[in-house]
Amino acid sequence: LDGLVATMRSTGSGDGHGFVAADRAFHALL
C-alpha cells in the first residue's frame, strides 16, 4: 500500500493511467 501511494505521488493525476491504476489497486488491496 505504501508503494502504491508512492506511485500516485510520483506519477501524479496528470499521468492518468499510472495514478488511476495505483488508486484502484490500493482500494482493492485494502
PDB file of all heavy atoms in Angstrom:
ATOM      1  N   LEU A   1       0.830  -1.201   0.000  1.00  0.00           N
ATOM      2  CA  LEU A   1       0.000   0.000   0.000  1.00  0.00           C
ATOM      3  C   LEU A   1       0.869   1.257   0.000  1.00  0.00           C
ATOM      4  O   LEU A   1       0.576   2.231  -0.714  1.00  0.00           O
ATOM      5  CB  LEU A   1      -0.935   0.000   1.213  1.00  0.00           C
ATOM      6  CG  LEU A   1      -2.077  -1.025   1.192  1.00  0.00           C
ATOM      7  CD1 LEU A   1      -2.793  -1.055   2.538  1.00  0.00           C
ATOM      8  CD2 LEU A   1      -3.082  -0.703   0.081  1.00  0.00           C
ATOM      9  N   ASP A   2       1.934   1.242   0.793  1.00  0.00           N
ATOM     10  CA  ASP A   2       2.873   2.366   0.795  1.00  0.00           C
ATOM     11  C   ASP A   2       3.459   2.583  -0.603  1.00  0.00           C
ATOM     12  O   ASP A   2       3.598   3.718  -1.060  1.00  0.00           O
ATOM     13  CB  ASP A   2       4.011   2.102   1.783  1.00  0.00           C
ATOM     14  CG  ASP A   2       3.726   2.664   3.175  1.00  0.00           C
ATOM     15  OD1 ASP A   2       3.049   3.712   3.251  1.00  0.00           O
ATOM     16  OD2 ASP A   2       4.174   2.075   4.159  1.00  0.00           O
ATOM     17  N   GLY A   3       3.793   1.475  -1.263  1.00  0.00           N
ATOM     18  CA  GLY A   3       4.358   1.563  -2.605  1.00  0.00           C
ATOM     19  C   GLY A   3       3.372   2.144  -3.605  1.00  0.00           C
ATOM     20  O   GLY A   3       3.755   2.911  -4.500  1.00  0.00           O
ATOM     21  N   LEU A   4       2.100   1.813  -3.451  1.00  0.00           N
ATOM     22  CA  LEU A   4       1.073   2.343  -4.354  1.00  0.00           C
ATOM     23  C   LEU A   4       0.888   3.845  -4.143  1.00  0.00           C
ATOM     24  O   LEU A   4       0.686   4.597  -5.104  1.00  0.00           O
ATOM     25  CB  LEU A   4      -0.252   1.609  -4.136  1.00  0.00           C
ATOM     26  CG  LEU A   4      -0.256   0.144  -4.600  1.00  0.00           C
ATOM     27  CD1 LEU A   4      -1.495  -0.581  -4.085  1.00  0.00           C
ATOM     28  CD2 LEU A   4      -0.197   0.061  -6.124  1.00  0.00           C
ATOM     29  N   VAL A   5       0.955   4.286  -2.884  1.00  0.00           N
ATOM     30  CA  VAL A   5       0.881   5.727  -2.612  1.00  0.00           C
ATOM     31  C   VAL A   5       2.082   6.432  -3.238  1.00  0.00           C
ATOM     32  O   VAL A   5       1.945   7.515  -3.820  1.00  0.00           O
ATOM     33  CB  VAL A   5       0.822   6.005  -1.098  1.00  0.00           C
ATOM     34  CG1 VAL A   5       0.837   7.508  -0.832  1.00  0.00           C
ATOM     35  CG2 VAL A   5      -0.424   5.384  -0.484  1.00  0.00           C
ATOM     36  N   ALA A   6       3.249   5.805  -3.146  1.00  0.00           N
ATOM     37  CA  ALA A   6       4.447   6.387  -3.751  1.00  0.00           C
ATOM     38  C   ALA A   6       4.286   6.508  -5.267  1.00  0.00           C
ATOM     39  O   ALA A   6       4.732   7.491  -5.874  1.00  0.00           O
ATOM     40  CB  ALA A   6       5.664   5.539  -3.409  1.00  0.00           C
ATOM     41  N   THR A   7       3.644   5.517  -5.871  1.00  0.00           N
ATOM     42  CA  THR A   7       3.396   5.574  -7.317  1.00  0.00           C
ATOM     43  C   THR A   7       2.453   6.723  -7.653  1.00  0.00           C
ATOM     44  O   THR A   7       2.667   7.462  -8.625  1.00  0.00           O
ATOM     45  CB  THR A   7       2.774   4.257  -7.812  1.00  0.00           C
ATOM     46  OG1 THR A   7       3.690   3.183  -7.572  1.00  0.00           O
ATOM     47  CG2 THR A   7       2.450   4.320  -9.296  1.00  0.00           C
ATOM     48  N   MET A   8       1.402   6.900  -6.862  1.00  0.00           N
ATOM     49  CA  MET A   8       0.491   8.018  -7.072  1.00  0.00           C
ATOM     50  C   MET A   8       1.235   9.348  -6.954  1.00  0.00           C
ATOM     51  O   MET A   8       1.014  10.278  -7.735  1.00  0.00           O
ATOM     52  CB  MET A   8      -0.657   7.960  -6.055  1.00  0.00           C
ATOM     53  CG  MET A   8      -1.587   6.768  -6.214  1.00  0.00           C
ATOM     54  SD  MET A   8      -2.796   6.621  -4.865  1.00  0.00           S
ATOM     55  CE  MET A   8      -3.807   8.062  -5.175  1.00  0.00           C
ATOM     56  N   ARG A   9       2.135   9.414  -5.975  1.00  0.00           N
ATOM     57  CA  ARG A   9       2.876  10.651  -5.746  1.00  0.00           C
ATOM     58  C   ARG A   9       3.842  10.941  -6.895  1.00  0.00           C
ATOM     59  O   ARG A   9       3.996  12.093  -7.313  1.00  0.00           O
ATOM     60  CB  ARG A   9       3.644  10.546  -4.426  1.00  0.00           C
ATOM     61  CG  ARG A   9       4.303  11.843  -3.961  1.00  0.00           C
ATOM     62  CD  ARG A   9       4.974  11.664  -2.626  1.00  0.00           C
ATOM     63  NE  ARG A   9       4.012  11.441  -1.556  1.00  0.00           N
ATOM     64  CZ  ARG A   9       3.899  10.306  -0.871  1.00  0.00           C
ATOM     65  NH1 ARG A   9       4.676   9.277  -1.159  1.00  0.00           N
ATOM     66  NH2 ARG A   9       3.008  10.191   0.093  1.00  0.00           N
ATOM     67  N   SER A  10       4.469   9.910  -7.424  1.00  0.00           N
ATOM     68  CA  SER A  10       5.479  10.113  -8.466  1.00  0.00           C
ATOM     69  C   SER A  10       4.873  10.340  -9.846  1.00  0.00           C
ATOM     70  O   SER A  10       5.439  11.050 -10.672  1.00  0.00           O
ATOM     71  CB  SER A  10       6.433   8.912  -8.524  1.00  0.00           C
ATOM     72  OG  SER A  10       5.738   7.733  -8.894  1.00  0.00           O
ATOM     73  N   THR A  11       3.702   9.737 -10.093  1.00  0.00           N
ATOM     74  CA  THR A  11       3.087   9.886 -11.418  1.00  0.00           C
ATOM     75  C   THR A  11       2.210  11.119 -11.495  1.00  0.00           C
ATOM     76  O   THR A  11       2.233  11.852 -12.488  1.00  0.00           O
ATOM     77  CB  THR A  11       2.249   8.652 -11.790  1.00  0.00           C
ATOM     78  OG1 THR A  11       1.242   8.439 -10.780  1.00  0.00           O
ATOM     79  CG2 THR A  11       3.127   7.412 -11.902  1.00  0.00           C
ATOM     80  N   GLY A  12       1.415  11.359 -10.446  1.00  0.00           N
ATOM     81  CA  GLY A  12       0.507  12.488 -10.463  1.00  0.00           C
ATOM     82  C   GLY A  12      -0.725  12.195 -11.301  1.00  0.00           C
ATOM     83  O   GLY A  12      -0.703  11.340 -12.192  1.00  0.00           O
ATOM     84  N   SER A  13      -1.808  12.898 -11.032  1.00  0.00           N
ATOM     85  CA  SER A  13      -3.066  12.639 -11.731  1.00  0.00           C
ATOM     86  C   SER A  13      -2.987  12.982 -13.205  1.00  0.00           C
ATOM     87  O   SER A  13      -3.760  12.464 -14.009  1.00  0.00           O
ATOM     88  CB  SER A  13      -4.204  13.434 -11.082  1.00  0.00           C
ATOM     89  OG  SER A  13      -3.925  14.826 -11.144  1.00  0.00           O
ATOM     90  N   GLY A  14      -2.061  13.868 -13.575  1.00  0.00           N
ATOM     91  CA  GLY A  14      -1.923  14.223 -14.983  1.00  0.00           C
ATOM     92  C   GLY A  14      -1.476  13.060 -15.834  1.00  0.00           C
ATOM     93  O   GLY A  14      -1.731  13.022 -17.046  1.00  0.00           O
ATOM     94  N   ASP A  15      -0.830  12.077 -15.193  1.00  0.00           N
ATOM     95  CA  ASP A  15      -0.397  10.886 -15.927  1.00  0.00           C
ATOM     96  C   ASP A  15      -1.593  10.050 -16.364  1.00  0.00           C
ATOM     97  O   ASP A  15      -1.546   9.357 -17.372  1.00  0.00           O
ATOM     98  CB  ASP A  15       0.541  10.043 -15.042  1.00  0.00           C
ATOM     99  CG  ASP A  15       0.857   8.690 -15.629  1.00  0.00           C
ATOM    100  OD1 ASP A  15       1.627   8.632 -16.601  1.00  0.00           O
ATOM    101  OD2 ASP A  15       0.302   7.690 -15.128  1.00  0.00           O
ATOM    102  N   GLY A  16      -2.668  10.147 -15.600  1.00  0.00           N
ATOM    103  CA  GLY A  16      -3.881   9.413 -15.960  1.00  0.00           C
ATOM    104  C   GLY A  16      -3.791   7.956 -15.549  1.00  0.00           C
ATOM    105  O   GLY A  16      -4.199   7.578 -14.464  1.00  0.00           O
ATOM    106  N   HIS A  17      -3.219   7.120 -16.401  1.00  0.00           N
ATOM    107  CA  HIS A  17      -3.267   5.681 -16.185  1.00  0.00           C
ATOM    108  C   HIS A  17      -2.521   5.261 -14.916  1.00  0.00           C
ATOM    109  O   HIS A  17      -3.063   4.504 -14.105  1.00  0.00           O
ATOM    110  CB  HIS A  17      -2.682   4.956 -17.392  1.00  0.00           C
ATOM    111  CG  HIS A  17      -2.637   3.468 -17.222  1.00  0.00           C
ATOM    112  ND1 HIS A  17      -3.772   2.687 -17.223  1.00  0.00           N
ATOM    113  CD2 HIS A  17      -1.590   2.620 -16.985  1.00  0.00           C
ATOM    114  CE1 HIS A  17      -3.428   1.421 -17.019  1.00  0.00           C
ATOM    115  NE2 HIS A  17      -2.120   1.358 -16.867  1.00  0.00           N
ATOM    116  N   GLY A  18      -1.289   5.724 -14.733  1.00  0.00           N
ATOM    117  CA  GLY A  18      -0.499   5.281 -13.591  1.00  0.00           C
ATOM    118  C   GLY A  18      -1.131   5.648 -12.271  1.00  0.00           C
ATOM    119  O   GLY A  18      -1.208   4.831 -11.344  1.00  0.00           O
ATOM    120  N   PHE A  19      -1.597   6.870 -12.159  1.00  0.00           N
ATOM    121  CA  PHE A  19      -2.234   7.355 -10.936  1.00  0.00           C
ATOM    122  C   PHE A  19      -3.514   6.576 -10.656  1.00  0.00           C
ATOM    123  O   PHE A  19      -3.739   6.094  -9.546  1.00  0.00           O
ATOM    124  CB  PHE A  19      -2.535   8.845 -11.094  1.00  0.00           C
ATOM    125  CG  PHE A  19      -3.047   9.520  -9.855  1.00  0.00           C
ATOM    126  CD1 PHE A  19      -2.173  10.152  -8.986  1.00  0.00           C
ATOM    127  CD2 PHE A  19      -4.405   9.538  -9.558  1.00  0.00           C
ATOM    128  CE1 PHE A  19      -2.635  10.795  -7.839  1.00  0.00           C
ATOM    129  CE2 PHE A  19      -4.882  10.168  -8.417  1.00  0.00           C
ATOM    130  CZ  PHE A  19      -3.987  10.805  -7.556  1.00  0.00           C
ATOM    131  N   VAL A  20      -4.346   6.451 -11.675  1.00  0.00           N
ATOM    132  CA  VAL A  20      -5.632   5.767 -11.521  1.00  0.00           C
ATOM    133  C   VAL A  20      -5.435   4.287 -11.207  1.00  0.00           C
ATOM    134  O   VAL A  20      -6.119   3.722 -10.347  1.00  0.00           O
ATOM    135  CB  VAL A  20      -6.486   5.942 -12.790  1.00  0.00           C
ATOM    136  CG1 VAL A  20      -7.723   5.056 -12.750  1.00  0.00           C
ATOM    137  CG2 VAL A  20      -6.890   7.398 -12.966  1.00  0.00           C
ATOM    138  N   ALA A  21      -4.491   3.648 -11.892  1.00  0.00           N
ATOM    139  CA  ALA A  21      -4.235   2.221 -11.657  1.00  0.00           C
ATOM    140  C   ALA A  21      -3.755   1.982 -10.232  1.00  0.00           C
ATOM    141  O   ALA A  21      -4.159   1.004  -9.578  1.00  0.00           O
ATOM    142  CB  ALA A  21      -3.204   1.701 -12.661  1.00  0.00           C
ATOM    143  N   ALA A  22      -2.888   2.873  -9.736  1.00  0.00           N
ATOM    144  CA  ALA A  22      -2.395   2.733  -8.371  1.00  0.00           C
ATOM    145  C   ALA A  22      -3.525   2.947  -7.365  1.00  0.00           C
ATOM    146  O   ALA A  22      -3.611   2.241  -6.356  1.00  0.00           O
ATOM    147  CB  ALA A  22      -1.260   3.719  -8.126  1.00  0.00           C
ATOM    148  N   ASP A  23      -4.389   3.923  -7.644  1.00  0.00           N
ATOM    149  CA  ASP A  23      -5.535   4.196  -6.773  1.00  0.00           C
ATOM    150  C   ASP A  23      -6.456   2.977  -6.714  1.00  0.00           C
ATOM    151  O   ASP A  23      -6.909   2.556  -5.636  1.00  0.00           O
ATOM    152  CB  ASP A  23      -6.287   5.412  -7.308  1.00  0.00           C
ATOM    153  CG  ASP A  23      -7.303   5.962  -6.312  1.00  0.00           C
ATOM    154  OD1 ASP A  23      -7.500   5.334  -5.259  1.00  0.00           O
ATOM    155  OD2 ASP A  23      -7.906   7.007  -6.593  1.00  0.00           O
ATOM    156  N   ARG A  24      -6.733   2.381  -7.865  1.00  0.00           N
ATOM    157  CA  ARG A  24      -7.618   1.215  -7.919  1.00  0.00           C
ATOM    158  C   ARG A  24      -7.000   0.046  -7.151  1.00  0.00           C
ATOM    159  O   ARG A  24      -7.672  -0.635  -6.359  1.00  0.00           O
ATOM    160  CB  ARG A  24      -7.882   0.801  -9.364  1.00  0.00           C
ATOM    161  CG  ARG A  24      -8.907  -0.322  -9.515  1.00  0.00           C
ATOM    162  CD  ARG A  24      -9.063  -0.753 -10.963  1.00  0.00           C
ATOM    163  NE  ARG A  24     -10.257  -1.551 -11.174  1.00  0.00           N
ATOM    164  CZ  ARG A  24     -10.352  -2.857 -10.867  1.00  0.00           C
ATOM    165  NH1 ARG A  24      -9.330  -3.498 -10.338  1.00  0.00           N
ATOM    166  NH2 ARG A  24     -11.489  -3.508 -11.099  1.00  0.00           N
ATOM    167  N   ALA A  25      -5.709  -0.205  -7.401  1.00  0.00           N
ATOM    168  CA  ALA A  25      -5.021  -1.307  -6.725  1.00  0.00           C
ATOM    169  C   ALA A  25      -5.004  -1.096  -5.215  1.00  0.00           C
ATOM    170  O   ALA A  25      -5.112  -2.052  -4.438  1.00  0.00           O
ATOM    171  CB  ALA A  25      -3.600  -1.435  -7.261  1.00  0.00           C
ATOM    172  N   PHE A  26      -4.880   0.162  -4.797  1.00  0.00           N
ATOM    173  CA  PHE A  26      -4.872   0.497  -3.370  1.00  0.00           C
ATOM    174  C   PHE A  26      -6.177   0.051  -2.710  1.00  0.00           C
ATOM    175  O   PHE A  26      -6.169  -0.643  -1.685  1.00  0.00           O
ATOM    176  CB  PHE A  26      -4.682   2.010  -3.210  1.00  0.00           C
ATOM    177  CG  PHE A  26      -4.593   2.478  -1.779  1.00  0.00           C
ATOM    178  CD1 PHE A  26      -3.360   2.698  -1.183  1.00  0.00           C
ATOM    179  CD2 PHE A  26      -5.744   2.716  -1.030  1.00  0.00           C
ATOM    180  CE1 PHE A  26      -3.267   3.142   0.139  1.00  0.00           C
ATOM    181  CE2 PHE A  26      -5.668   3.153   0.289  1.00  0.00           C
ATOM    182  CZ  PHE A  26      -4.430   3.372   0.874  1.00  0.00           C
ATOM    183  N   HIS A  27      -7.305   0.432  -3.300  1.00  0.00           N
ATOM    184  CA  HIS A  27      -8.594   0.112  -2.684  1.00  0.00           C
ATOM    185  C   HIS A  27      -8.941  -1.373  -2.818  1.00  0.00           C
ATOM    186  O   HIS A  27      -9.638  -1.923  -1.963  1.00  0.00           O
ATOM    187  CB  HIS A  27      -9.684   0.995  -3.287  1.00  0.00           C
ATOM    188  CG  HIS A  27      -9.583   2.423  -2.830  1.00  0.00           C
ATOM    189  ND1 HIS A  27     -10.080   2.864  -1.629  1.00  0.00           N
ATOM    190  CD2 HIS A  27      -8.990   3.499  -3.415  1.00  0.00           C
ATOM    191  CE1 HIS A  27      -9.819   4.154  -1.488  1.00  0.00           C
ATOM    192  NE2 HIS A  27      -9.168   4.564  -2.550  1.00  0.00           N
ATOM    193  N   ALA A  28      -8.435  -2.014  -3.858  1.00  0.00           N
ATOM    194  CA  ALA A  28      -8.634  -3.459  -3.986  1.00  0.00           C
ATOM    195  C   ALA A  28      -7.893  -4.192  -2.871  1.00  0.00           C
ATOM    196  O   ALA A  28      -8.429  -5.120  -2.240  1.00  0.00           O
ATOM    197  CB  ALA A  28      -8.149  -3.939  -5.357  1.00  0.00           C
ATOM    198  N   LEU A  29      -6.655  -3.773  -2.611  1.00  0.00           N
ATOM    199  CA  LEU A  29      -5.852  -4.426  -1.577  1.00  0.00           C
ATOM    200  C   LEU A  29      -6.387  -4.113  -0.189  1.00  0.00           C
ATOM    201  O   LEU A  29      -6.286  -4.935   0.727  1.00  0.00           O
ATOM    202  CB  LEU A  29      -4.390  -3.978  -1.689  1.00  0.00           C
ATOM    203  CG  LEU A  29      -3.393  -4.598  -0.701  1.00  0.00           C
ATOM    204  CD1 LEU A  29      -3.449  -6.131  -0.764  1.00  0.00           C
ATOM    205  CD2 LEU A  29      -1.979  -4.101  -0.990  1.00  0.00           C
ATOM    206  N   LEU A  30      -6.984  -2.940  -0.035  1.00  0.00           N
ATOM    207  CA  LEU A  30      -7.487  -2.540   1.271  1.00  0.00           C
ATOM    208  C   LEU A  30      -8.550  -3.508   1.788  1.00  0.00           C
ATOM    209  O   LEU A  30      -8.593  -3.809   2.985  1.00  0.00           O
ATOM    210  CB  LEU A  30      -8.061  -1.122   1.178  1.00  0.00           C
ATOM    211  CG  LEU A  30      -8.164  -0.309   2.466  1.00  0.00           C
ATOM    212  CD1 LEU A  30      -6.791  -0.097   3.081  1.00  0.00           C
ATOM    213  CD2 LEU A  30      -8.838   1.026   2.198  1.00  0.00           C
TER     214      LEU A  30
END
